[in-house]
Amino acid sequence: MRSASYSRIRRLSAEELERYSRQIVLDEIGSRGQRKLMDAKVCIVGLGGLGSLAALQLAAIGIGHLRLVDCDVVELSNLHRQYLYGTSSIGFPKAEAATRRLHDLTLGSRSNRGRYR
């Protein structure tokens, strides 16, 4: 028996099918798994060396909602290991800079647009 939450999961758009096609073809994910990823909510606390990489990867695979939490600011010494940020991010709060970068990464994806905080 299917749970009620699975019966309400929407169909993937043509754009989403193209964007995530390389992981949808995997037996372990498929279109049903991709829809689950797009409906998922993840909170990342700490956007340093590990958190910034996790945020990039989770956004890229289509996680639908990311909550980003960090009270630090981007510094020049962060850039060699925190690939989420660039020189234009220096001095900005990490959560704010990460949100801008992830919006850029997923701009073409309606499923992720506007869902980072």
Foldseek 3Di string as FASTA:
>chain_A
DDDPVLVPQDFDDPLRCVLQVVVLPDPVQHRSNLSVQLDAEEEQADQALPSLVVLVVSLSNHRQAYEYHDADADDPVRVVRRVLDDPVRHPPTPLVSNVVSSCVVCVVPPSRHPRYD
